[in-house]
C-alpha cells in the first residue's frame, strides 16, 4: 500500500488527514451499499410488476340461458317475456317456444318483434301492459319516431302459419279470432346492471322493480352505437355487442338516473 506523506506537516497532522479521509471513504461506502440495496429492491419490484402484467386476465364466462339470444325481460311479477330480434327469430319463437298457455304480443304495425309471454294466459294486467310496451319499443314505430303504437295479444290457437294457399313466409303469421288490445302504448326502455348482468326492461316496469340506478332509453338523436357506448361507460360493462343487440333500431336518447 502506497502512503503519501506531506513533509510540511507533522506526523500527527498527517495521521489526522488520513483519519479524516478514511472516515469520508467509509461514509461513501456505506452510502453506496444503501444505494445498491435500494436498487435491488426496485429491480425486484419491477420484475414482479412485469410478471403480473404478463399474466393473462381470466374472464369468467357465464353460461347464457336460451332466451338471452332474443330480446327478453322478466315482468315485475316474475313472468318471462321473450321477443325476436328479426324475422327469423320471430319465426323460431312461434315454432319452438310458443305454448298453449302463453300469449303472443305484437305491435299493430309492419315490422315488429313477436314477444311471447310465457304462461301469459294467467298474467295480470300490469304484466301484460309491461309486455305491450316491450313489444312497442321493438317495432318500426321507434324508427318512425312514433311516441306510441297499438299493441295486441293473442292466444296460441289464434296464431298460425298455414293458410288455404299454403304456408306463409318467414316472420308472417295468420291471425284469427279475438285480440286483446293495448291502445296507444308508449315506447321506452330502461337498462340496468345487477350482479354484472345487463337487463333491458320496459320503462313502465322500472319503478315497480325498485331499481335505483338505470339508464332510460327513449327516442332521440343519438346513433345506436353512441347510445351503446353511453351504457357501457355508465355501468363499466364490457360487452358492447350485447348492448347493441338489446337496443331498439333507430336513433336514441339516453339519460342516467340514480334515485
Protein backbone atom coordinates (compact mmCIF):
# COMPACT_ATOMS: atom_id res chain seq x y z
CA UNK A 1 0.00 0.00 0.00
CA UNK A 2 1.47 3.38 -1.01
CA UNK A 3 1.17 6.17 1.54
CA UNK A 4 1.85 9.78 0.63
CA UNK A 5 3.27 11.99 3.41
CA UNK A 6 3.22 15.77 3.44
CA UNK A 7 6.65 16.74 4.86
CA UNK A 8 5.39 20.26 5.57
CA UNK A 9 3.12 18.76 8.24
CA UNK A 10 3.92 16.96 11.42
CA UNK A 11 3.39 13.22 11.82
CA UNK A 12 0.25 13.94 13.91
CA UNK A 13 -1.17 16.22 11.21
CA UNK A 14 -0.53 13.60 8.51
CA UNK A 15 -2.20 10.98 10.67
CA UNK A 16 -5.24 13.24 11.20
CA UNK A 17 -5.52 13.83 7.42
CA UNK A 18 -5.59 10.10 6.71
CA UNK A 19 -8.04 9.52 9.52
CA UNK A 20 -10.45 12.12 8.07
CA UNK A 21 -10.05 10.66 4.55
CA UNK A 22 -10.79 7.19 5.85
CA UNK A 23 -13.97 8.45 7.57
CA UNK A 24 -15.15 10.01 4.32
CA UNK A 25 -14.43 6.80 2.41
CA UNK A 26 -16.30 4.72 4.98
CA UNK A 27 -19.29 7.10 4.74
CA UNK A 28 -19.25 6.86 0.92
CA UNK A 29 -19.01 3.08 1.10
CA UNK A 30 -21.99 2.92 3.43
CA UNK A 31 -23.95 5.21 1.10
CA UNK A 32 -23.04 3.08 -1.90
CA UNK A 33 -24.13 -0.04 -0.05
CA UNK A 34 -27.50 1.55 0.79
CA UNK A 35 -27.93 2.60 -2.85
CA UNK A 36 -27.20 -0.94 -4.05
CA UNK A 37 -29.76 -2.39 -1.63
CA UNK A 38 -32.37 0.16 -2.75
CA UNK A 39 -31.70 -0.54 -6.44
CA UNK A 40 -32.00 -4.29 -5.84
CA UNK A 41 -35.39 -3.73 -4.17
CA UNK A 42 -36.60 -1.59 -7.07
CA UNK A 43 -35.39 -4.14 -9.62
CA UNK A 44 -37.22 -6.94 -7.80
CA UNK A 45 -40.42 -4.85 -7.67
CA UNK A 46 -40.16 -4.10 -11.41
CA UNK A 47 -39.70 -7.79 -12.18
CA UNK A 48 -42.74 -8.71 -10.09
CA UNK A 49 -44.86 -5.98 -11.68
CA UNK A 50 -43.83 -7.11 -15.17
CA UNK A 51 -44.71 -10.72 -14.41
CA UNK A 52 -48.15 -9.68 -13.09
CA UNK A 53 -48.79 -7.60 -16.21
CA UNK A 54 -47.82 -10.52 -18.42
CA UNK A 55 -50.29 -12.85 -16.71
CA UNK A 56 -53.46 -13.08 -18.83
CA UNK A 57 -56.64 -11.96 -17.08
CA UNK A 58 -59.01 -14.83 -16.55
CA UNK A 59 -62.53 -13.80 -17.53
CA UNK A 60 -65.31 -15.89 -16.08
CA UNK A 61 -67.82 -16.55 -18.84
CA UNK A 62 -71.34 -17.01 -17.50
CA UNK A 63 -73.44 -19.60 -19.28
CA UNK A 64 -76.29 -17.78 -21.00
CA UNK A 65 -79.85 -19.01 -20.95
CA UNK A 66 -81.66 -19.92 -24.18
CA UNK A 67 -83.74 -16.74 -24.13
CA UNK A 68 -80.68 -14.45 -24.00
CA UNK A 69 -80.32 -14.89 -27.78
CA UNK A 70 -83.50 -12.81 -28.05
CA UNK A 71 -84.89 -9.63 -26.53
CA UNK A 72 -86.17 -10.63 -23.10
CA UNK A 73 -87.14 -9.48 -19.63
CA UNK A 74 -88.91 -10.68 -16.51
CA UNK A 75 -92.10 -8.82 -15.66
CA UNK A 76 -92.46 -7.33 -12.19
CA UNK A 77 -94.40 -10.42 -11.13
CA UNK A 78 -91.64 -12.71 -12.43
CA UNK A 79 -93.03 -13.84 -15.79
CA UNK A 80 -90.61 -14.32 -18.69
CA UNK A 81 -91.22 -12.39 -21.92
CA UNK A 82 -89.09 -13.20 -24.98
CA UNK A 83 -89.01 -11.20 -28.23
CA UNK A 84 -87.50 -11.81 -31.66
CA UNK A 85 -84.69 -9.55 -32.90
CA UNK A 86 -85.53 -10.23 -36.56
CA UNK A 87 -87.96 -12.19 -38.76
CA UNK A 88 -86.06 -15.46 -38.31
CA UNK A 89 -86.15 -15.16 -34.55
CA UNK A 90 -89.86 -14.29 -34.68
CA UNK A 91 -90.35 -17.50 -36.64
CA UNK A 92 -88.32 -19.56 -34.16
CA UNK A 93 -90.22 -18.18 -31.16
CA UNK A 94 -93.51 -19.12 -32.77
CA UNK A 95 -92.43 -22.61 -33.81
CA UNK A 96 -90.27 -23.65 -30.83
CA UNK A 97 -91.25 -21.64 -27.75
CA UNK A 98 -94.92 -20.62 -28.11
CA UNK A 99 -97.01 -22.96 -25.93
CA UNK A 100 -100.75 -23.20 -25.31
CA UNK A 101 -100.61 -21.29 -22.02
CA UNK A 102 -98.55 -18.41 -23.48
CA UNK A 103 -99.60 -15.11 -25.05
CA UNK A 104 -98.41 -13.69 -28.39
CA UNK A 105 -97.79 -9.89 -28.39
CA UNK A 106 -97.23 -7.78 -31.48
CA UNK A 107 -97.36 -4.06 -32.28
CA UNK A 108 -100.04 -3.19 -34.83
CA UNK A 109 -97.50 -2.05 -37.41
CA UNK A 110 -95.47 -3.62 -40.21
CA UNK A 111 -92.06 -4.58 -38.86
CA UNK A 112 -92.19 -5.56 -35.20
CA UNK A 113 -90.88 -8.08 -32.71
CA UNK A 114 -93.00 -11.08 -31.80
CA UNK A 115 -93.00 -11.19 -27.99
CA UNK A 116 -94.07 -14.36 -26.23
CA UNK A 117 -95.18 -14.05 -22.61
CA UNK A 118 -94.58 -17.45 -21.04
CA UNK A 119 -97.63 -18.50 -19.00
CA UNK A 120 -99.29 -15.32 -20.23
CA UNK A 121 -102.89 -16.58 -20.08
CA UNK A 122 -102.56 -16.32 -16.28
CA UNK A 123 -100.84 -12.90 -16.30
CA UNK A 124 -102.24 -9.88 -14.54
CA UNK A 125 -102.97 -6.58 -16.26
CA UNK A 126 -99.75 -4.87 -15.12
CA UNK A 127 -97.58 -7.66 -16.54
CA UNK A 128 -99.41 -7.55 -19.85
CA UNK A 129 -99.05 -3.76 -20.05
CA UNK A 130 -95.29 -4.13 -19.47
CA UNK A 131 -95.01 -6.70 -22.25
CA UNK A 132 -97.06 -4.46 -24.55
CA UNK A 133 -94.58 -1.61 -24.02
CA UNK A 134 -91.70 -4.02 -24.64
CA UNK A 135 -93.29 -5.12 -27.95
CA UNK A 136 -94.00 -1.49 -28.91
CA UNK A 137 -90.38 -0.48 -28.29
CA UNK A 138 -89.01 -3.22 -30.53
CA UNK A 139 -91.13 -2.23 -33.51
CA UNK A 140 -90.68 0.06 -36.50
CA UNK A 141 -92.67 2.67 -34.56
CA UNK A 142 -89.34 3.57 -32.91
CA UNK A 143 -87.62 4.35 -36.22
CA UNK A 144 -90.75 6.17 -37.39
CA UNK A 145 -90.47 8.41 -34.29
CA UNK A 146 -93.98 7.49 -33.19
CA UNK A 147 -94.48 8.19 -29.49
CA UNK A 148 -96.97 5.36 -29.15
CA UNK A 149 -98.46 2.45 -31.05
CA UNK A 150 -101.32 -0.01 -30.56
CA UNK A 151 -100.31 -3.50 -29.42
CA UNK A 152 -102.41 -6.67 -29.33
CA UNK A 153 -102.15 -10.04 -27.55
CA UNK A 154 -103.45 -13.39 -28.79
CA UNK A 155 -103.59 -17.00 -27.65
CA UNK A 156 -101.79 -19.91 -29.29
CA UNK A 157 -104.88 -21.23 -31.10
CA UNK A 158 -105.35 -17.91 -32.91
CA UNK A 159 -101.83 -17.75 -34.41
CA UNK A 160 -100.97 -20.00 -37.34
CA UNK A 161 -98.53 -20.39 -40.22
CA UNK A 162 -100.93 -22.24 -42.52
CA UNK A 163 -103.45 -20.77 -44.96
CA UNK A 164 -105.66 -22.22 -47.67
CA UNK A 165 -102.89 -21.40 -50.12
CA UNK A 166 -100.09 -22.98 -48.09
CA UNK A 167 -97.55 -21.80 -45.53
CA UNK A 168 -96.73 -18.12 -45.04
CA UNK A 169 -93.28 -16.60 -45.46
CA UNK A 170 -90.68 -16.21 -42.73
CA UNK A 171 -91.93 -13.97 -39.93
CA UNK A 172 -95.51 -13.83 -41.24
CA UNK A 173 -98.47 -15.32 -39.35
CA UNK A 174 -102.15 -15.93 -39.92
CA UNK A 175 -104.05 -14.27 -37.07
CA UNK A 176 -107.67 -15.17 -36.44
CA UNK A 177 -110.10 -14.72 -33.60
CA UNK A 178 -110.19 -12.36 -30.66
CA UNK A 179 -107.37 -9.96 -29.77
CA UNK A 180 -106.71 -8.13 -26.52
CA UNK A 181 -105.76 -4.54 -27.31
CA UNK A 182 -103.37 -2.16 -25.56
CA UNK A 183 -104.10 1.15 -27.25
CA UNK A 184 -101.60 3.99 -27.57
CA UNK A 185 -98.82 2.13 -25.80
CA UNK A 186 -95.85 4.47 -25.21
CA UNK A 187 -92.35 3.47 -26.30
CA UNK A 188 -89.45 3.34 -23.86
CA UNK A 189 -86.93 1.01 -22.21
CA UNK A 190 -84.64 1.05 -19.19
CA UNK A 191 -81.23 -0.60 -18.89
CA UNK A 192 -79.62 -1.57 -15.60
CA UNK A 193 -76.96 -3.90 -14.14
CA UNK A 194 -77.48 -6.47 -11.41
CA UNK A 195 -74.68 -8.87 -10.40
CA UNK A 196 -72.69 -7.95 -13.53
CA UNK A 197 -75.65 -8.87 -15.73
CA UNK A 198 -77.28 -6.39 -18.11
CA UNK A 199 -81.07 -6.10 -18.15
CA UNK A 200 -83.34 -4.25 -20.58
CA UNK A 201 -86.92 -3.78 -19.37
CA UNK A 202 -89.92 -1.69 -20.40
CA UNK A 203 -89.66 1.78 -18.88
CA UNK A 204 -93.01 1.46 -17.08
CA UNK A 205 -91.63 -1.51 -15.08
CA UNK A 206 -88.53 0.19 -13.67
CA UNK A 207 -90.22 1.84 -10.67
CA UNK A 208 -92.15 -1.33 -9.85
CA UNK A 209 -88.88 -3.26 -9.83
CA UNK A 210 -87.33 -0.78 -7.37
CA UNK A 211 -84.18 -0.23 -9.44
CA UNK A 212 -82.16 2.73 -8.12
CA UNK A 213 -79.62 3.19 -10.91
CA UNK A 214 -80.68 2.83 -14.53
CA UNK A 215 -80.47 4.41 -17.97
CA UNK A 216 -83.73 5.44 -19.59
CA UNK A 217 -83.68 4.74 -23.34
CA UNK A 218 -86.14 6.76 -25.40
CA UNK A 219 -86.34 8.10 -28.94
CA UNK A 220 -83.77 10.80 -29.67
CA UNK A 221 -80.94 11.91 -31.92
CA UNK A 222 -78.03 9.64 -30.95
CA UNK A 223 -76.84 6.85 -33.16
CA UNK A 224 -77.40 3.39 -31.75
CA UNK A 225 -73.63 2.84 -31.41
CA UNK A 226 -73.21 6.05 -29.37
CA UNK A 227 -76.08 5.08 -27.09
CA UNK A 228 -74.42 1.69 -26.54
CA UNK A 229 -71.18 3.46 -25.55
CA UNK A 230 -73.13 5.55 -23.00
CA UNK A 231 -74.44 2.39 -21.38
CA UNK A 232 -71.06 0.65 -21.40
CA UNK A 233 -69.37 3.66 -19.76
CA UNK A 234 -72.10 4.23 -17.20
CA UNK A 235 -72.08 0.66 -15.93
CA UNK A 236 -68.45 -0.30 -16.71
CA UNK A 237 -69.91 -3.13 -18.77
CA UNK A 238 -67.54 -4.81 -21.22
CA UNK A 239 -69.84 -6.44 -23.81
CA UNK A 240 -70.86 -3.62 -26.14
CA UNK A 241 -72.07 -6.12 -28.76
CA UNK A 242 -74.69 -7.45 -26.35
CA UNK A 243 -75.79 -3.90 -25.55
CA UNK A 244 -76.17 -3.20 -29.27
CA UNK A 245 -78.33 -6.31 -29.66
CA UNK A 246 -80.70 -5.16 -26.93
CA UNK A 247 -81.17 -1.60 -28.17
CA UNK A 248 -84.10 -0.74 -30.49
CA UNK A 249 -83.47 0.14 -34.13
CA UNK A 250 -83.35 3.87 -34.74
CA UNK A 251 -81.94 6.95 -33.06
CA UNK A 252 -81.88 7.07 -29.28
CA UNK A 253 -81.75 9.33 -26.24
CA UNK A 254 -80.13 8.10 -23.01
CA UNK A 255 -80.50 9.53 -19.52
CA UNK A 256 -78.83 8.10 -16.41
CA UNK A 257 -80.91 8.08 -13.21
CA UNK A 258 -79.57 7.44 -9.71
CA UNK A 259 -82.57 7.51 -7.39
